[in-house]
């Protein structure tokens, strides 16, 4: 009986003894990506109030010296791309009731809009667009590098008011125009 008890105890001890530990190992790759994109941190929106467009003689005030609040607006844009393009275009300032030109009068004012971007490497790049009776294609400029990661890194400025015929008198009324701005990854 003692023999049976020893055999039973030995079998129980063998069952309780863990087998030799065996390991499994490997690796997991972790990847991701960032696409080229530009995002406005502050809306590319606002208004520039040029005030009275005419001098006392009714001709264009070419410097827009009657402006209210300045001739520039700034925006904050972030781009992930190593190179960025800036694009600007606009229509002429048109009189809302009569934008025609004739008989020494005009309801259309042309101007220049300059879009300037601060470069990450320092300095700036600008896209300059001037309206005309037949609108030219939008102006695109490559920064040749990254856009600066900073507040107000993009500015649009209005300047150089003109009319189709230099002696035309401006018609009374409200004039309006829209500047289109695009910042895109390359």
Protein backbone atom coordinates (compact mmCIF):
# COMPACT_ATOMS: atom_id res chain seq x y z
CA UNK A 1 0.00 0.00 0.00
CA UNK A 2 2.89 2.25 0.72
CA UNK A 3 4.13 1.59 -2.79
CA UNK A 4 0.85 2.67 -4.31
CA UNK A 5 0.85 5.80 -2.16
CA UNK A 6 4.39 6.72 -3.33
CA UNK A 7 3.44 6.14 -6.97
CA UNK A 8 0.34 8.30 -6.58
CA UNK A 9 2.36 11.04 -4.87
CA UNK A 10 5.04 10.92 -7.59
CA UNK A 11 2.38 11.14 -10.33
CA UNK A 12 0.75 14.10 -8.59
CA UNK A 13 4.10 15.85 -8.22
CA UNK A 14 4.86 15.40 -11.91
CA UNK A 15 1.47 16.82 -12.87
CA UNK A 16 2.05 19.88 -10.64
CA UNK A 17 5.53 20.59 -12.03
CA UNK A 18 5.28 23.12 -14.92
CA UNK A 19 6.63 22.10 -18.28
CA UNK A 20 9.63 23.95 -19.68
CA UNK A 21 8.48 27.57 -20.57
CA UNK A 22 8.38 28.30 -24.31
CA UNK A 23 8.39 31.94 -25.65
CA UNK A 24 6.96 33.44 -28.81
CA UNK A 25 8.21 36.81 -30.06
CA UNK A 26 7.85 39.11 -33.03
CA UNK A 27 7.42 42.75 -33.95
CA UNK A 28 4.62 45.07 -35.01
CA UNK A 29 5.24 47.83 -37.54
CA UNK A 30 3.59 51.16 -36.80
CA UNK A 31 3.06 53.53 -39.74
CA UNK A 32 1.09 56.62 -40.60
CA UNK A 33 1.09 59.44 -43.10
CA UNK A 34 0.39 63.13 -43.46
CA UNK A 35 -1.01 64.34 -46.73
CA UNK A 36 -0.13 67.68 -48.21
CA UNK A 37 -2.80 70.08 -46.97
CA UNK A 38 -3.32 73.68 -46.03
CA UNK A 39 -5.80 74.72 -43.37
CA UNK A 40 -6.95 78.21 -42.41
CA UNK A 41 -6.46 78.68 -38.67
CA UNK A 42 -8.41 81.92 -38.91
CA UNK A 43 -10.99 82.27 -41.68
CA UNK A 44 -9.76 83.77 -44.94
CA UNK A 45 -12.56 86.31 -44.85
CA UNK A 46 -13.28 89.87 -43.88
CA UNK A 47 -13.77 93.20 -45.59
CA UNK A 48 -11.70 96.15 -46.72
CA UNK A 49 -13.65 99.41 -46.71
CA UNK A 50 -12.12 101.79 -49.26
CA UNK A 51 -14.43 104.65 -48.27
CA UNK A 52 -15.15 107.31 -50.90
CA UNK A 53 -13.47 106.16 -54.12
CA UNK A 54 -13.58 109.60 -55.77
CA UNK A 55 -11.62 112.80 -55.32
CA UNK A 56 -13.55 116.07 -55.02
CA UNK A 57 -13.36 116.30 -58.86
CA UNK A 58 -15.06 112.89 -59.19
CA UNK A 59 -11.94 111.11 -60.46
CA UNK A 60 -10.53 107.94 -58.90
CA UNK A 61 -8.69 108.40 -55.61
CA UNK A 62 -5.88 106.07 -56.73
CA UNK A 63 -4.37 105.62 -53.26
CA UNK A 64 -7.72 104.87 -51.60
CA UNK A 65 -6.76 107.39 -48.94
CA UNK A 66 -10.35 107.56 -47.63
CA UNK A 67 -10.16 103.91 -46.53
CA UNK A 68 -11.60 102.89 -43.18
CA UNK A 69 -9.49 100.41 -41.17
CA UNK A 70 -6.54 99.99 -43.52
CA UNK A 71 -5.92 98.45 -46.90
CA UNK A 72 -4.66 95.05 -45.65
CA UNK A 73 -6.07 91.99 -43.93
CA UNK A 74 -4.04 89.11 -42.48
CA UNK A 75 -4.82 85.44 -41.99
CA UNK A 76 -3.23 82.42 -40.33
CA UNK A 77 -2.78 79.34 -42.52
CA UNK A 78 -0.92 76.11 -41.72
CA UNK A 79 0.41 73.84 -44.49
CA UNK A 80 2.01 70.42 -44.13
CA UNK A 81 3.59 70.42 -47.59
CA UNK A 82 7.27 71.13 -48.24
CA UNK A 83 6.25 73.59 -50.95
CA UNK A 84 3.21 75.84 -51.13
CA UNK A 85 1.51 77.87 -53.87
CA UNK A 86 -0.44 81.06 -53.19
CA UNK A 87 -3.05 82.28 -55.67
CA UNK A 88 -4.98 85.56 -55.89
CA UNK A 89 -7.60 86.97 -58.25
CA UNK A 90 -10.51 89.38 -58.09
CA UNK A 91 -13.10 91.18 -60.10
CA UNK A 92 -13.15 94.95 -60.55
CA UNK A 93 -15.04 97.20 -58.15
CA UNK A 94 -18.37 97.52 -59.94
CA UNK A 95 -21.14 100.03 -59.28
CA UNK A 96 -24.15 98.00 -58.19
CA UNK A 97 -26.56 99.93 -60.42
CA UNK A 98 -24.41 100.82 -63.46
CA UNK A 99 -20.92 99.46 -64.04
CA UNK A 100 -20.63 100.62 -67.64
CA UNK A 101 -18.03 103.04 -69.01
CA UNK A 102 -18.89 105.69 -71.58
CA UNK A 103 -19.39 109.38 -72.20
CA UNK A 104 -16.64 110.33 -69.75
CA UNK A 105 -18.18 108.38 -66.84
CA UNK A 106 -17.52 104.96 -65.37
CA UNK A 107 -19.04 102.60 -62.86
CA UNK A 108 -15.96 100.38 -62.70
CA UNK A 109 -12.75 100.79 -60.70
CA UNK A 110 -9.72 98.57 -61.22
CA UNK A 111 -7.20 97.86 -58.50
CA UNK A 112 -4.25 95.67 -57.55
CA UNK A 113 -4.47 92.99 -54.88
CA UNK A 114 -1.18 91.68 -53.49
CA UNK A 115 -1.12 88.43 -51.55
CA UNK A 116 2.04 88.04 -49.47
CA UNK A 117 3.09 84.87 -47.62
CA UNK A 118 5.79 84.58 -44.96
CA UNK A 119 8.21 81.76 -45.74
CA UNK A 120 9.49 79.36 -43.07
CA UNK A 121 13.05 79.95 -44.28
CA UNK A 122 12.62 83.71 -43.88
CA UNK A 123 11.51 86.36 -46.31
CA UNK A 124 8.28 86.54 -48.24
CA UNK A 125 6.74 85.60 -51.57
CA UNK A 126 3.95 87.58 -53.25
CA UNK A 127 1.29 87.00 -55.88
CA UNK A 128 0.13 90.26 -57.51
CA UNK A 129 -3.14 90.59 -59.46
CA UNK A 130 -4.54 93.67 -61.21
CA UNK A 131 -8.10 93.77 -62.52
CA UNK A 132 -8.93 94.93 -66.04
CA UNK A 133 -12.01 95.17 -68.27
CA UNK A 134 -11.18 91.64 -69.42
CA UNK A 135 -10.03 89.84 -66.29
CA UNK A 136 -6.66 88.10 -66.53
CA UNK A 137 -6.10 84.60 -65.19
CA UNK A 138 -5.45 84.25 -61.47
CA UNK A 139 -1.86 84.85 -60.36
CA UNK A 140 -0.10 81.91 -58.69
CA UNK A 141 3.29 82.11 -56.99
CA UNK A 142 5.28 79.19 -55.57
CA UNK A 143 6.89 79.85 -52.19
CA UNK A 144 9.76 77.51 -53.03
CA UNK A 145 9.50 76.07 -49.55
CA UNK A 146 7.28 75.83 -46.50
CA UNK A 147 4.84 78.47 -45.28
CA UNK A 148 5.93 79.95 -41.95
CA UNK A 149 4.16 78.35 -38.99
CA UNK A 150 3.04 81.61 -37.38
CA UNK A 151 0.01 83.78 -36.74
CA UNK A 152 -0.94 86.15 -39.57
CA UNK A 153 1.49 84.53 -42.02
CA UNK A 154 -0.61 85.58 -45.04
CA UNK A 155 -1.64 89.16 -45.93
CA UNK A 156 -3.71 90.62 -48.76
CA UNK A 157 -3.33 94.33 -49.60
CA UNK A 158 -5.36 96.52 -51.98
CA UNK A 159 -3.68 99.37 -53.91
CA UNK A 160 -3.46 101.35 -57.16
CA UNK A 161 -7.00 102.38 -58.01
CA UNK A 162 -7.51 103.14 -61.72
CA UNK A 163 -10.27 103.47 -64.28
CA UNK A 164 -10.26 102.24 -67.86
CA UNK A 165 -9.98 105.83 -69.12
CA UNK A 166 -7.91 108.04 -66.85
CA UNK A 167 -10.20 111.08 -67.11
CA UNK A 168 -13.50 109.26 -66.39
CA UNK A 169 -15.66 110.55 -63.56
CA UNK A 170 -16.97 107.91 -61.18
CA UNK A 171 -20.75 107.36 -61.11
CA UNK A 172 -22.37 107.70 -57.70
CA UNK A 173 -23.44 104.48 -56.00
CA UNK A 174 -22.11 101.49 -54.12
CA UNK A 175 -19.13 99.63 -55.54
CA UNK A 176 -18.12 96.10 -54.59
CA UNK A 177 -15.61 93.43 -55.50
CA UNK A 178 -14.39 90.09 -54.18
CA UNK A 179 -10.79 88.95 -53.81
CA UNK A 180 -10.28 85.19 -54.09
CA UNK A 181 -7.36 83.65 -52.18
CA UNK A 182 -6.10 80.08 -52.36
CA UNK A 183 -3.21 78.53 -50.46
CA UNK A 184 -2.41 75.03 -51.68
CA UNK A 185 0.17 72.29 -51.10
CA UNK A 186 2.41 71.30 -53.99
